[in-house]
N, C-alpha and C. Protein backbone atom coordinates (compact mmCIF):
# COMPACT_ATOMS: atom_id res chain seq x y z
N MET A 1 49.86 101.61 -9.92
CA MET A 1 49.75 100.67 -8.82
C MET A 1 49.75 99.25 -9.39
N TYR A 2 50.48 98.36 -8.71
CA TYR A 2 50.62 96.97 -9.15
C TYR A 2 50.19 96.07 -8.00
N THR A 3 49.37 95.06 -8.30
CA THR A 3 48.84 94.19 -7.25
C THR A 3 48.91 92.73 -7.68
N GLU A 4 49.23 91.87 -6.72
CA GLU A 4 49.20 90.42 -6.95
C GLU A 4 48.81 89.73 -5.64
N THR A 5 48.04 88.65 -5.76
CA THR A 5 47.60 87.90 -4.58
C THR A 5 48.07 86.45 -4.68
N THR A 6 48.67 85.96 -3.60
CA THR A 6 49.09 84.57 -3.47
C THR A 6 48.55 84.04 -2.15
N ARG A 7 47.77 82.97 -2.22
CA ARG A 7 47.24 82.34 -0.99
C ARG A 7 46.63 83.36 -0.03
N ALA A 8 45.82 84.25 -0.57
CA ALA A 8 45.08 85.25 0.21
C ALA A 8 45.96 86.34 0.80
N ILE A 9 47.21 86.43 0.38
CA ILE A 9 48.08 87.53 0.77
C ILE A 9 48.21 88.46 -0.43
N ARG A 10 47.64 89.66 -0.30
CA ARG A 10 47.65 90.64 -1.40
C ARG A 10 48.80 91.61 -1.19
N VAL A 11 49.63 91.75 -2.24
CA VAL A 11 50.76 92.67 -2.21
C VAL A 11 50.50 93.75 -3.26
N THR A 12 50.51 95.00 -2.82
CA THR A 12 50.31 96.15 -3.71
C THR A 12 51.54 97.03 -3.63
N VAL A 13 52.05 97.43 -4.79
CA VAL A 13 53.26 98.26 -4.85
C VAL A 13 52.96 99.52 -5.66
N MET A 14 53.43 100.66 -5.14
CA MET A 14 53.31 101.94 -5.84
C MET A 14 54.70 102.58 -5.90
N PRO A 15 55.36 102.50 -7.07
CA PRO A 15 56.69 103.12 -7.20
C PRO A 15 56.56 104.60 -7.56
N ARG A 16 57.60 105.38 -7.19
CA ARG A 16 57.65 106.77 -7.63
C ARG A 16 59.11 107.20 -7.77
N TYR A 17 59.35 107.95 -8.81
CA TYR A 17 60.69 108.45 -9.10
C TYR A 17 61.02 109.59 -8.15
N LEU A 18 62.25 109.60 -7.62
CA LEU A 18 62.68 110.64 -6.68
C LEU A 18 63.66 111.58 -7.38
N GLU A 19 63.12 112.60 -7.99
CA GLU A 19 63.94 113.58 -8.72
C GLU A 19 64.99 114.22 -7.81
N ASP A 20 64.59 114.55 -6.58
CA ASP A 20 65.50 115.27 -5.67
C ASP A 20 66.68 114.42 -5.20
N GLN A 21 66.59 113.11 -5.31
CA GLN A 21 67.71 112.24 -4.90
C GLN A 21 68.49 111.69 -6.10
N SER A 22 67.99 111.95 -7.30
CA SER A 22 68.62 111.43 -8.51
C SER A 22 69.62 112.45 -9.07
N GLN A 23 70.61 111.93 -9.76
CA GLN A 23 71.61 112.75 -10.43
C GLN A 23 71.84 112.20 -11.84
N PRO A 24 70.93 112.50 -12.76
CA PRO A 24 71.02 111.93 -14.10
C PRO A 24 72.36 112.18 -14.80
N ALA A 25 72.97 113.32 -14.58
CA ALA A 25 74.27 113.61 -15.22
C ALA A 25 75.35 112.63 -14.77
N GLU A 26 75.20 112.09 -13.56
CA GLU A 26 76.15 111.11 -13.05
C GLU A 26 75.65 109.67 -13.20
N GLY A 27 74.53 109.47 -13.88
CA GLY A 27 73.99 108.12 -14.06
C GLY A 27 73.44 107.53 -12.78
N ARG A 28 72.75 108.35 -12.00
CA ARG A 28 72.13 107.87 -10.75
C ARG A 28 70.67 108.28 -10.76
N TYR A 29 69.80 107.25 -10.76
CA TYR A 29 68.35 107.45 -10.78
C TYR A 29 67.79 106.69 -9.58
N VAL A 30 66.92 107.35 -8.80
CA VAL A 30 66.46 106.76 -7.54
C VAL A 30 64.93 106.71 -7.51
N TRP A 31 64.41 105.60 -7.03
CA TRP A 31 62.97 105.41 -6.87
C TRP A 31 62.66 105.00 -5.43
N ALA A 32 61.49 105.41 -4.97
CA ALA A 32 60.90 104.88 -3.75
C ALA A 32 59.77 103.96 -4.19
N TYR A 33 59.50 102.95 -3.39
CA TYR A 33 58.33 102.12 -3.66
C TYR A 33 57.64 101.86 -2.33
N HIS A 34 56.33 102.05 -2.36
CA HIS A 34 55.50 101.85 -1.18
C HIS A 34 54.79 100.50 -1.34
N VAL A 35 54.91 99.65 -0.33
CA VAL A 35 54.34 98.31 -0.38
C VAL A 35 53.28 98.15 0.71
N ARG A 36 52.16 97.58 0.33
CA ARG A 36 51.12 97.20 1.29
C ARG A 36 50.91 95.70 1.17
N ILE A 37 51.02 95.00 2.31
CA ILE A 37 50.82 93.56 2.36
C ILE A 37 49.57 93.32 3.20
N GLU A 38 48.56 92.72 2.60
CA GLU A 38 47.28 92.50 3.28
C GLU A 38 46.99 91.00 3.38
N ASN A 39 46.56 90.58 4.55
CA ASN A 39 46.14 89.19 4.74
C ASN A 39 44.62 89.14 4.60
N THR A 40 44.16 88.66 3.45
CA THR A 40 42.73 88.56 3.19
C THR A 40 42.19 87.16 3.50
N GLY A 41 43.05 86.32 4.08
CA GLY A 41 42.66 84.94 4.36
C GLY A 41 42.27 84.71 5.81
N THR A 42 42.33 83.45 6.22
CA THR A 42 41.89 83.05 7.56
C THR A 42 43.04 82.60 8.46
N GLU A 43 44.26 82.49 7.89
CA GLU A 43 45.41 82.04 8.68
C GLU A 43 46.29 83.22 9.04
N THR A 44 46.90 83.17 10.22
CA THR A 44 47.91 84.16 10.61
C THR A 44 49.24 83.76 9.99
N VAL A 45 49.95 84.74 9.41
CA VAL A 45 51.24 84.48 8.76
C VAL A 45 52.27 85.51 9.25
N THR A 46 53.53 85.11 9.17
CA THR A 46 54.63 86.00 9.50
C THR A 46 55.57 86.07 8.31
N LEU A 47 55.94 87.28 7.92
CA LEU A 47 56.88 87.48 6.82
C LEU A 47 58.28 87.20 7.35
N ARG A 48 58.97 86.25 6.75
CA ARG A 48 60.31 85.87 7.20
C ARG A 48 61.43 86.47 6.36
N THR A 49 61.31 86.34 5.02
CA THR A 49 62.40 86.82 4.16
C THR A 49 61.85 87.52 2.93
N ARG A 50 62.74 88.24 2.26
CA ARG A 50 62.41 88.90 1.00
C ARG A 50 63.44 88.51 -0.05
N HIS A 51 63.00 88.54 -1.29
CA HIS A 51 63.88 88.30 -2.44
C HIS A 51 63.46 89.24 -3.55
N TRP A 52 64.36 90.11 -3.96
CA TRP A 52 64.09 91.06 -5.05
C TRP A 52 64.98 90.75 -6.24
N GLN A 53 64.44 90.94 -7.43
CA GLN A 53 65.21 90.92 -8.66
C GLN A 53 65.01 92.29 -9.30
N ILE A 54 66.10 93.03 -9.43
CA ILE A 54 66.06 94.40 -9.95
C ILE A 54 66.85 94.42 -11.26
N THR A 55 66.18 94.79 -12.34
CA THR A 55 66.80 94.78 -13.66
C THR A 55 66.83 96.20 -14.20
N ASP A 56 68.02 96.66 -14.64
CA ASP A 56 68.11 98.00 -15.20
C ASP A 56 67.80 97.98 -16.69
N ALA A 57 67.86 99.14 -17.33
CA ALA A 57 67.48 99.27 -18.74
C ALA A 57 68.42 98.50 -19.68
N PHE A 58 69.60 98.12 -19.22
CA PHE A 58 70.53 97.34 -20.03
C PHE A 58 70.37 95.84 -19.80
N GLY A 59 69.41 95.45 -18.96
CA GLY A 59 69.17 94.04 -18.68
C GLY A 59 70.06 93.46 -17.61
N ARG A 60 70.81 94.31 -16.91
CA ARG A 60 71.67 93.82 -15.83
C ARG A 60 70.81 93.54 -14.60
N LEU A 61 70.98 92.36 -14.03
CA LEU A 61 70.17 91.89 -12.92
C LEU A 61 70.93 92.00 -11.61
N GLN A 62 70.26 92.54 -10.60
CA GLN A 62 70.78 92.56 -9.24
C GLN A 62 69.77 91.83 -8.36
N GLU A 63 70.24 90.90 -7.54
CA GLU A 63 69.34 90.19 -6.64
C GLU A 63 69.64 90.60 -5.21
N VAL A 64 68.56 90.80 -4.44
CA VAL A 64 68.66 91.18 -3.04
C VAL A 64 67.85 90.18 -2.23
N ARG A 65 68.49 89.58 -1.23
CA ARG A 65 67.82 88.63 -0.33
C ARG A 65 68.14 89.04 1.10
N GLY A 66 67.18 88.81 1.97
CA GLY A 66 67.45 89.12 3.37
C GLY A 66 66.26 88.83 4.25
N PRO A 67 66.48 88.96 5.55
CA PRO A 67 65.39 88.74 6.50
C PRO A 67 64.42 89.91 6.52
N GLY A 68 63.15 89.62 6.64
CA GLY A 68 62.12 90.64 6.82
C GLY A 68 62.14 91.76 5.80
N VAL A 69 61.50 92.86 6.20
CA VAL A 69 61.46 94.08 5.38
C VAL A 69 61.66 95.26 6.31
N VAL A 70 62.47 96.20 5.89
CA VAL A 70 62.81 97.40 6.67
C VAL A 70 63.06 97.08 8.15
N GLY A 71 63.79 95.99 8.39
CA GLY A 71 64.14 95.61 9.75
C GLY A 71 63.04 94.95 10.56
N GLU A 72 61.95 94.59 9.92
CA GLU A 72 60.83 93.98 10.65
C GLU A 72 60.42 92.66 10.01
N THR A 73 59.80 91.81 10.81
CA THR A 73 59.19 90.56 10.34
C THR A 73 57.73 90.59 10.79
N PRO A 74 56.90 91.32 10.04
CA PRO A 74 55.52 91.54 10.48
C PRO A 74 54.70 90.25 10.54
N ARG A 75 53.87 90.19 11.57
CA ARG A 75 52.92 89.08 11.75
C ARG A 75 51.54 89.62 11.40
N LEU A 76 50.87 88.96 10.46
CA LEU A 76 49.59 89.44 9.95
C LEU A 76 48.49 88.43 10.23
N GLY A 77 47.57 88.80 11.09
CA GLY A 77 46.39 87.99 11.32
C GLY A 77 45.38 88.24 10.22
N PRO A 78 44.30 87.47 10.18
CA PRO A 78 43.26 87.70 9.18
C PRO A 78 42.78 89.16 9.23
N GLY A 79 42.78 89.80 8.08
CA GLY A 79 42.33 91.19 7.97
C GLY A 79 43.40 92.22 8.27
N ASP A 80 44.58 91.80 8.73
CA ASP A 80 45.66 92.75 9.03
C ASP A 80 46.40 93.16 7.76
N ALA A 81 47.06 94.32 7.87
CA ALA A 81 47.90 94.81 6.77
C ALA A 81 49.16 95.43 7.36
N PHE A 82 50.22 95.41 6.58
CA PHE A 82 51.49 96.03 6.94
C PHE A 82 51.94 96.85 5.74
N GLU A 83 52.40 98.07 5.99
CA GLU A 83 52.87 98.94 4.92
C GLU A 83 54.26 99.44 5.24
N TYR A 84 55.06 99.60 4.19
CA TYR A 84 56.39 100.18 4.35
C TYR A 84 56.81 100.83 3.04
N THR A 85 57.81 101.69 3.16
CA THR A 85 58.39 102.34 1.98
C THR A 85 59.89 102.08 1.99
N SER A 86 60.41 101.74 0.83
CA SER A 86 61.84 101.53 0.66
C SER A 86 62.24 102.16 -0.67
N GLY A 87 63.45 101.91 -1.10
CA GLY A 87 63.88 102.53 -2.35
C GLY A 87 65.01 101.77 -2.99
N THR A 88 65.30 102.18 -4.22
CA THR A 88 66.41 101.57 -4.95
C THR A 88 66.99 102.56 -5.95
N PRO A 89 68.31 102.57 -6.09
CA PRO A 89 68.93 103.37 -7.14
C PRO A 89 69.23 102.48 -8.36
N LEU A 90 69.29 103.10 -9.52
CA LEU A 90 69.71 102.41 -10.74
C LEU A 90 70.67 103.31 -11.50
N PRO A 91 71.54 102.71 -12.32
CA PRO A 91 72.43 103.51 -13.16
C PRO A 91 71.77 103.91 -14.49
N THR A 92 70.52 103.49 -14.70
CA THR A 92 69.80 103.78 -15.94
C THR A 92 68.47 104.47 -15.60
N PRO A 93 67.89 105.21 -16.55
CA PRO A 93 66.66 105.96 -16.26
C PRO A 93 65.39 105.13 -16.20
N SER A 94 65.50 103.82 -16.30
CA SER A 94 64.34 102.96 -16.15
C SER A 94 64.80 101.56 -15.75
N GLY A 95 63.83 100.77 -15.30
CA GLY A 95 64.13 99.40 -14.92
C GLY A 95 62.85 98.71 -14.49
N ILE A 96 63.03 97.54 -13.92
CA ILE A 96 61.88 96.77 -13.46
C ILE A 96 62.29 95.99 -12.20
N MET A 97 61.33 95.81 -11.30
CA MET A 97 61.55 95.02 -10.09
C MET A 97 60.46 93.96 -9.98
N VAL A 98 60.81 92.84 -9.41
CA VAL A 98 59.88 91.76 -9.11
C VAL A 98 60.48 90.98 -7.95
N GLY A 99 59.64 90.27 -7.23
CA GLY A 99 60.21 89.53 -6.11
C GLY A 99 59.23 88.63 -5.41
N SER A 100 59.61 88.24 -4.18
CA SER A 100 58.75 87.39 -3.37
C SER A 100 59.09 87.57 -1.90
N TYR A 101 58.11 87.26 -1.07
CA TYR A 101 58.29 87.20 0.37
C TYR A 101 58.07 85.76 0.79
N GLN A 102 58.89 85.26 1.71
CA GLN A 102 58.60 83.94 2.28
C GLN A 102 57.80 84.18 3.56
N MET A 103 56.66 83.52 3.62
CA MET A 103 55.78 83.60 4.78
C MET A 103 55.79 82.25 5.50
N VAL A 104 55.43 82.29 6.79
CA VAL A 104 55.26 81.06 7.55
C VAL A 104 53.97 81.20 8.35
N THR A 105 53.17 80.14 8.33
CA THR A 105 51.93 80.14 9.10
C THR A 105 52.24 79.82 10.55
N ASP A 106 51.28 80.02 11.42
CA ASP A 106 51.46 79.66 12.83
C ASP A 106 51.67 78.16 13.02
N ARG A 107 51.26 77.36 12.04
CA ARG A 107 51.47 75.90 12.10
C ARG A 107 52.86 75.51 11.58
N GLY A 108 53.64 76.50 11.08
CA GLY A 108 54.99 76.23 10.60
C GLY A 108 55.12 76.00 9.11
N GLU A 109 54.02 76.10 8.38
CA GLU A 109 54.09 75.90 6.93
C GLU A 109 54.67 77.14 6.27
N ARG A 110 55.67 76.93 5.42
CA ARG A 110 56.31 78.03 4.70
C ARG A 110 55.78 78.08 3.26
N PHE A 111 55.61 79.29 2.74
CA PHE A 111 55.21 79.46 1.34
C PHE A 111 55.67 80.82 0.85
N ASP A 112 55.83 80.92 -0.46
CA ASP A 112 56.27 82.17 -1.08
C ASP A 112 55.07 82.95 -1.59
N VAL A 113 55.13 84.26 -1.38
CA VAL A 113 54.12 85.19 -1.87
C VAL A 113 54.77 86.04 -2.95
N ARG A 114 54.16 86.08 -4.12
CA ARG A 114 54.71 86.85 -5.23
C ARG A 114 54.51 88.35 -5.02
N ILE A 115 55.55 89.10 -5.33
CA ILE A 115 55.47 90.56 -5.40
C ILE A 115 55.32 90.87 -6.88
N PRO A 116 54.30 91.66 -7.27
CA PRO A 116 54.10 91.88 -8.70
C PRO A 116 55.28 92.62 -9.33
N ALA A 117 55.57 92.30 -10.59
CA ALA A 117 56.58 93.05 -11.33
C ALA A 117 56.07 94.47 -11.49
N PHE A 118 56.97 95.43 -11.26
CA PHE A 118 56.59 96.82 -11.45
C PHE A 118 57.69 97.59 -12.14
N SER A 119 57.26 98.59 -12.88
CA SER A 119 58.14 99.38 -13.73
C SER A 119 58.71 100.57 -12.96
N LEU A 120 59.99 100.81 -13.16
CA LEU A 120 60.66 101.98 -12.61
C LEU A 120 60.92 102.92 -13.79
N ASP A 121 60.15 103.96 -13.89
CA ASP A 121 60.25 104.88 -15.01
C ASP A 121 60.58 106.28 -14.51
N SER A 122 61.47 106.95 -15.21
CA SER A 122 61.81 108.33 -14.87
C SER A 122 61.47 109.22 -16.06
N PRO A 123 61.37 110.53 -15.82
CA PRO A 123 61.12 111.44 -16.95
C PRO A 123 62.33 111.57 -17.88
N HIS A 124 63.45 110.94 -17.51
CA HIS A 124 64.66 111.01 -18.33
C HIS A 124 64.75 109.88 -19.35
N GLN A 125 63.78 108.99 -19.34
CA GLN A 125 63.76 107.86 -20.27
C GLN A 125 63.09 108.27 -21.57
N ASP A 126 63.81 108.08 -22.68
CA ASP A 126 63.17 108.31 -23.98
C ASP A 126 62.19 107.18 -24.22
N ARG A 127 61.00 107.54 -24.60
CA ARG A 127 59.97 106.54 -24.89
C ARG A 127 59.77 106.51 -26.40
N ARG A 128 60.16 105.40 -27.00
CA ARG A 128 60.05 105.25 -28.44
C ARG A 128 59.44 103.91 -28.76
N LEU A 129 58.53 103.92 -29.69
CA LEU A 129 57.94 102.65 -30.15
C LEU A 129 58.84 102.05 -31.21
N ASN A 130 59.04 100.75 -31.15
CA ASN A 130 59.86 100.06 -32.17
C ASN A 130 59.10 99.90 -33.44
């Protein structure tokens, strides 16, 4: 589990490898990641956009930007939480993801909330110490 808090917005991510959707012989590895966004502050905020940076084991970067998450733009009052599950494929047996959400307060102030960097690991990755 990976957690980061920005301006009282706590983002927790739990990735898991999906063996049943992966095809290692064809270079296809798939992960699901479950995200919980909690408003631990006193202001109501709405999630407007997302930005992901997904890096595979060869260091190739893919960026994903778009409105909301899973088709929604959740509004979180103090003490509220929103959870969703999404996924990503990679051509390598491991990688890393990191990102941010743009939030807006009811007063119109926009700010970015960090999504913690998290590791995408599969049982097909050789683990060797240098």
